[in-house]
Structures are given as C-alpha cells and as structure tokens.
Amino acid sequence: MTPPSRRDRTLTILGTVLLFAWSVPAIPSTAAVSAAAALDDFFIVSSVDLMQKRLVLKRPSEVTVLVRVTEKTSYRSEQNRPLQLGDLRAGDTVFIRLGTGTESDLAKSVRRGPMTVEELRRRYFRAGNPAR
C-alpha cells in the first residue's frame, strides 16, 4: 500500500476542519466582519519574490495564484501591526484583497492570520448550512 500523497493529506485536513466547523453552533457575526470577509480571499503563501514584487499563493483548493504587489499595497499582522513584503514567509496564511478588472492580479491589502473556525463559518456557512 502506498503512503497518502501530500494533496490527499491536505484535502483530508481541510475536510475535517470544514466538517468540524459545520457541527459548531452558529457564531454571531457583525456586518463589518462579514463585509471584510467578502472583500478578501484566503491563501497560503508558497513563495515571496522581493525583487519582482510578487507572491506565489495557493488557495485551499491547491490552485496556485500569482499576485503582484506595489508600494500602495498595505500589509498588516494578525494583531493589526504594520508589516512589509519581506516579513511574509512560505507557509504563512494570509487574507488578500485583490484588485478588479485589469488589476485582478494586484494585491490591494495583505493581512497575515490563521483561518479560524469562526472565519470558516462566516465565509462558507449560513445558519449551519453550506452557503456555496
């Protein structure tokens, strides 16, 4: 029997987290937090290219995304402290607000922080039922 691949382990972990989040009682959320969740996307940092000012990111679905940053991109920590592009490392989890239209690959803001059960519920579940 062959050992499970990294992708299989990742999907198993993600599935377990989602199942757990679904079984937790509804957590009240504010409109501001819900609005913020609608504006940014969750990613795992794969690599940081300081010279080209780019981030290679992975969505939880394992889809890779290349994102540009500029001097206008804002960076914040989990505690809402300022960060710089060089503070990000492979494996960090981030919430990124992307541009629209022709700038859909441009990061407007980057917030480093974990995907919590509360955040999962706000983003993907409504009143205990899957939203998407």
C-alpha atoms as a PDB file:
ATOM      1  CA  MET A   1       0.000   0.000   0.000  1.00  0.00           C
ATOM      2  CA  THR A   2       1.415   3.392  -0.973  1.00  0.00           C
ATOM      3  CA  PRO A   3       1.506   6.230   1.567  1.00  0.00           C
ATOM      4  CA  PRO A   4      -1.023   9.050   1.061  1.00  0.00           C
ATOM      5  CA  SER A   5       0.190  11.937  -1.065  1.00  0.00           C
ATOM      6  CA  ARG A   6       0.591  15.456   0.286  1.00  0.00           C
ATOM      7  CA  ARG A   7      -2.516  16.512  -1.652  1.00  0.00           C
ATOM      8  CA  ASP A   8      -4.542  13.683  -0.082  1.00  0.00           C
ATOM      9  CA  ARG A   9      -3.402  14.702   3.413  1.00  0.00           C
ATOM     10  CA  THR A  10      -4.216  18.371   2.699  1.00  0.00           C
ATOM     11  CA  LEU A  11      -7.705  17.503   1.452  1.00  0.00           C
ATOM     12  CA  THR A  12      -8.310  15.257   4.459  1.00  0.00           C
ATOM     13  CA  ILE A  13      -7.283  18.015   6.880  1.00  0.00           C
ATOM     14  CA  LEU A  14      -9.374  20.637   5.077  1.00  0.00           C
ATOM     15  CA  GLY A  15     -12.375  18.298   5.012  1.00  0.00           C
ATOM     16  CA  THR A  16     -12.024  17.589   8.728  1.00  0.00           C
ATOM     17  CA  VAL A  17     -11.833  21.311   9.538  1.00  0.00           C
ATOM     18  CA  LEU A  18     -14.898  22.042   7.395  1.00  0.00           C
ATOM     19  CA  LEU A  19     -16.839  19.173   8.984  1.00  0.00           C
ATOM     20  CA  PHE A  20     -15.915  20.416  12.450  1.00  0.00           C
ATOM     21  CA  ALA A  21     -16.880  23.998  11.541  1.00  0.00           C
ATOM     22  CA  TRP A  22     -20.276  22.807  10.292  1.00  0.00           C
ATOM     23  CA  SER A  23     -21.011  21.000  13.558  1.00  0.00           C
ATOM     24  CA  VAL A  24     -20.188  24.009  15.776  1.00  0.00           C
ATOM     25  CA  PRO A  25     -23.212  26.111  16.833  1.00  0.00           C
ATOM     26  CA  ALA A  26     -23.784  29.311  14.887  1.00  0.00           C
ATOM     27  CA  ILE A  27     -21.476  32.152  15.917  1.00  0.00           C
ATOM     28  CA  PRO A  28     -22.942  35.645  15.661  1.00  0.00           C
ATOM     29  CA  SER A  29     -21.012  37.967  13.371  1.00  0.00           C
ATOM     30  CA  THR A  30     -21.132  41.677  12.741  1.00  0.00           C
ATOM     31  CA  ALA A  31     -21.890  43.233   9.373  1.00  0.00           C
ATOM     32  CA  ALA A  32     -18.412  44.790   9.266  1.00  0.00           C
ATOM     33  CA  VAL A  33     -16.668  41.447   9.709  1.00  0.00           C
ATOM     34  CA  SER A  34     -18.923  39.816   7.118  1.00  0.00           C
ATOM     35  CA  ALA A  35     -18.250  42.651   4.684  1.00  0.00           C
ATOM     36  CA  ALA A  36     -14.497  42.253   5.179  1.00  0.00           C
ATOM     37  CA  ALA A  37     -14.787  38.522   4.511  1.00  0.00           C
ATOM     38  CA  ALA A  38     -16.499  39.282   1.210  1.00  0.00           C
ATOM     39  CA  LEU A  39     -13.685  41.610   0.115  1.00  0.00           C
ATOM     40  CA  ASP A  40     -10.646  39.420   0.731  1.00  0.00           C
ATOM     41  CA  ASP A  41      -9.587  35.896  -0.171  1.00  0.00           C
ATOM     42  CA  PHE A  42      -7.715  33.332   1.915  1.00  0.00           C
ATOM     43  CA  PHE A  43      -4.354  31.994   0.654  1.00  0.00           C
ATOM     44  CA  ILE A  44      -1.285  30.096   1.810  1.00  0.00           C
ATOM     45  CA  VAL A  45       1.989  31.770   0.847  1.00  0.00           C
ATOM     46  CA  SER A  46       4.046  29.480  -1.384  1.00  0.00           C
ATOM     47  CA  SER A  47       6.888  31.931  -2.053  1.00  0.00           C
ATOM     48  CA  VAL A  48       7.779  35.621  -1.880  1.00  0.00           C
ATOM     49  CA  ASP A  49       9.727  37.272  -4.727  1.00  0.00           C
ATOM     50  CA  LEU A  50      11.057  40.536  -3.301  1.00  0.00           C
ATOM     51  CA  MET A  51      12.870  41.570  -6.497  1.00  0.00           C
ATOM     52  CA  GLN A  52       9.836  41.148  -8.775  1.00  0.00           C
ATOM     53  CA  LYS A  53       7.390  42.231  -6.045  1.00  0.00           C
ATOM     54  CA  ARG A  54       5.246  39.116  -6.436  1.00  0.00           C
ATOM     55  CA  LEU A  55       3.687  36.487  -4.243  1.00  0.00           C
ATOM     56  CA  VAL A  56       3.053  32.913  -5.316  1.00  0.00           C
ATOM     57  CA  LEU A  57      -0.002  31.810  -3.371  1.00  0.00           C
ATOM     58  CA  LYS A  58      -2.137  28.706  -3.031  1.00  0.00           C
ATOM     59  CA  ARG A  59      -5.847  28.632  -2.444  1.00  0.00           C
ATOM     60  CA  PRO A  60      -7.091  25.902  -0.058  1.00  0.00           C
ATOM     61  CA  SER A  61      -8.157  24.041  -3.229  1.00  0.00           C
ATOM     62  CA  GLU A  62      -4.440  23.823  -4.210  1.00  0.00           C
ATOM     63  CA  VAL A  63      -4.906  26.277  -7.118  1.00  0.00           C
ATOM     64  CA  THR A  64      -1.773  28.419  -7.490  1.00  0.00           C
ATOM     65  CA  VAL A  65      -2.173  32.178  -7.946  1.00  0.00           C
ATOM     66  CA  LEU A  66       0.499  34.736  -8.867  1.00  0.00           C
ATOM     67  CA  VAL A  67      -0.164  38.132  -7.271  1.00  0.00           C
ATOM     68  CA  ARG A  68       1.631  41.434  -7.844  1.00  0.00           C
ATOM     69  CA  VAL A  69       2.231  43.975  -5.086  1.00  0.00           C
ATOM     70  CA  THR A  70       3.109  47.670  -5.298  1.00  0.00           C
ATOM     71  CA  GLU A  71       4.212  50.398  -2.928  1.00  0.00           C
ATOM     72  CA  LYS A  72       0.498  51.078  -2.369  1.00  0.00           C
ATOM     73  CA  THR A  73      -0.182  47.547  -1.072  1.00  0.00           C
ATOM     74  CA  SER A  74      -0.801  47.591   2.686  1.00  0.00           C
ATOM     75  CA  TYR A  75       0.443  44.798   4.950  1.00  0.00           C
ATOM     76  CA  ARG A  76      -0.926  44.052   8.427  1.00  0.00           C
ATOM     77  CA  SER A  77      -0.225  41.390  11.029  1.00  0.00           C
ATOM     78  CA  GLU A  78      -2.722  39.302  12.927  1.00  0.00           C
ATOM     79  CA  GLN A  79      -2.536  41.935  15.692  1.00  0.00           C
ATOM     80  CA  ASN A  80      -3.126  44.704  13.093  1.00  0.00           C
ATOM     81  CA  ARG A  81       0.511  45.852  13.238  1.00  0.00           C
ATOM     82  CA  PRO A  82       2.226  47.066  10.055  1.00  0.00           C
ATOM     83  CA  LEU A  83       4.265  44.545   8.065  1.00  0.00           C
ATOM     84  CA  GLN A  84       6.396  44.637   4.937  1.00  0.00           C
ATOM     85  CA  LEU A  85       6.540  42.251   1.989  1.00  0.00           C
ATOM     86  CA  GLY A  86       9.808  40.824   3.353  1.00  0.00           C
ATOM     87  CA  ASP A  87       8.071  39.785   6.590  1.00  0.00           C
ATOM     88  CA  LEU A  88       5.996  37.163   4.751  1.00  0.00           C
ATOM     89  CA  ARG A  89       7.315  33.597   4.573  1.00  0.00           C
ATOM     90  CA  ALA A  90       6.342  30.412   2.760  1.00  0.00           C
ATOM     91  CA  GLY A  91       3.632  28.685   4.783  1.00  0.00           C
ATOM     92  CA  ASP A  92       2.124  31.890   6.166  1.00  0.00           C
ATOM     93  CA  THR A  93      -1.635  32.136   5.804  1.00  0.00           C
ATOM     94  CA  VAL A  94      -2.933  35.457   4.514  1.00  0.00           C
ATOM     95  CA  PHE A  95      -6.147  37.246   3.598  1.00  0.00           C
ATOM     96  CA  ILE A  96      -5.675  39.335   0.465  1.00  0.00           C
ATOM     97  CA  ARG A  97      -7.966  41.915  -1.100  1.00  0.00           C
ATOM     98  CA  LEU A  98      -7.338  41.792  -4.841  1.00  0.00           C
ATOM     99  CA  GLY A  99      -7.978  44.486  -7.412  1.00  0.00           C
ATOM    100  CA  THR A 100     -10.694  44.241 -10.029  1.00  0.00           C
ATOM    101  CA  GLY A 101     -10.790  44.211 -13.821  1.00  0.00           C
ATOM    102  CA  THR A 102      -7.344  44.566 -15.385  1.00  0.00           C
ATOM    103  CA  GLU A 103      -5.812  44.721 -11.909  1.00  0.00           C
ATOM    104  CA  SER A 104      -7.320  41.452 -10.672  1.00  0.00           C
ATOM    105  CA  ASP A 105      -3.801  40.099 -10.033  1.00  0.00           C
ATOM    106  CA  LEU A 106      -2.833  43.117  -7.871  1.00  0.00           C
ATOM    107  CA  ALA A 107      -2.929  42.873  -4.077  1.00  0.00           C
ATOM    108  CA  LYS A 108      -4.526  45.951  -2.543  1.00  0.00           C
ATOM    109  CA  SER A 109      -4.074  44.691   1.024  1.00  0.00           C
ATOM    110  CA  VAL A 110      -2.446  41.699   2.715  1.00  0.00           C
ATOM    111  CA  ARG A 111      -3.374  40.599   6.226  1.00  0.00           C
ATOM    112  CA  ARG A 112      -1.430  37.730   7.785  1.00  0.00           C
ATOM    113  CA  GLY A 113      -3.506  35.484  10.033  1.00  0.00           C
ATOM    114  CA  PRO A 114      -4.927  31.991  10.501  1.00  0.00           C
ATOM    115  CA  MET A 115      -8.135  30.569   9.095  1.00  0.00           C
ATOM    116  CA  THR A 116     -10.127  30.006  12.270  1.00  0.00           C
ATOM    117  CA  VAL A 117     -13.311  28.009  12.696  1.00  0.00           C
ATOM    118  CA  GLU A 118     -15.166  31.294  13.223  1.00  0.00           C
ATOM    119  CA  GLU A 119     -13.764  32.654   9.960  1.00  0.00           C
ATOM    120  CA  LEU A 120     -14.712  29.443   8.127  1.00  0.00           C
ATOM    121  CA  ARG A 121     -18.283  29.786   9.357  1.00  0.00           C
ATOM    122  CA  ARG A 122     -18.513  33.455   8.337  1.00  0.00           C
ATOM    123  CA  ARG A 123     -17.178  32.800   4.856  1.00  0.00           C
ATOM    124  CA  TYR A 124     -18.660  29.453   3.882  1.00  0.00           C
ATOM    125  CA  PHE A 125     -21.731  28.745   6.029  1.00  0.00           C
ATOM    126  CA  ARG A 126     -25.039  30.463   6.705  1.00  0.00           C
ATOM    127  CA  ALA A 127     -27.084  29.375   9.740  1.00  0.00           C
ATOM    128  CA  GLY A 128     -25.367  25.985   9.790  1.00  0.00           C
ATOM    129  CA  ASN A 129     -25.965  25.255   6.077  1.00  0.00           C
ATOM    130  CA  PRO A 130     -23.339  25.394   3.326  1.00  0.00           C
ATOM    131  CA  ALA A 131     -23.558  28.731   1.505  1.00  0.00           C
ATOM    132  CA  ARG A 132     -21.661  27.793  -1.637  1.00  0.00           C
END
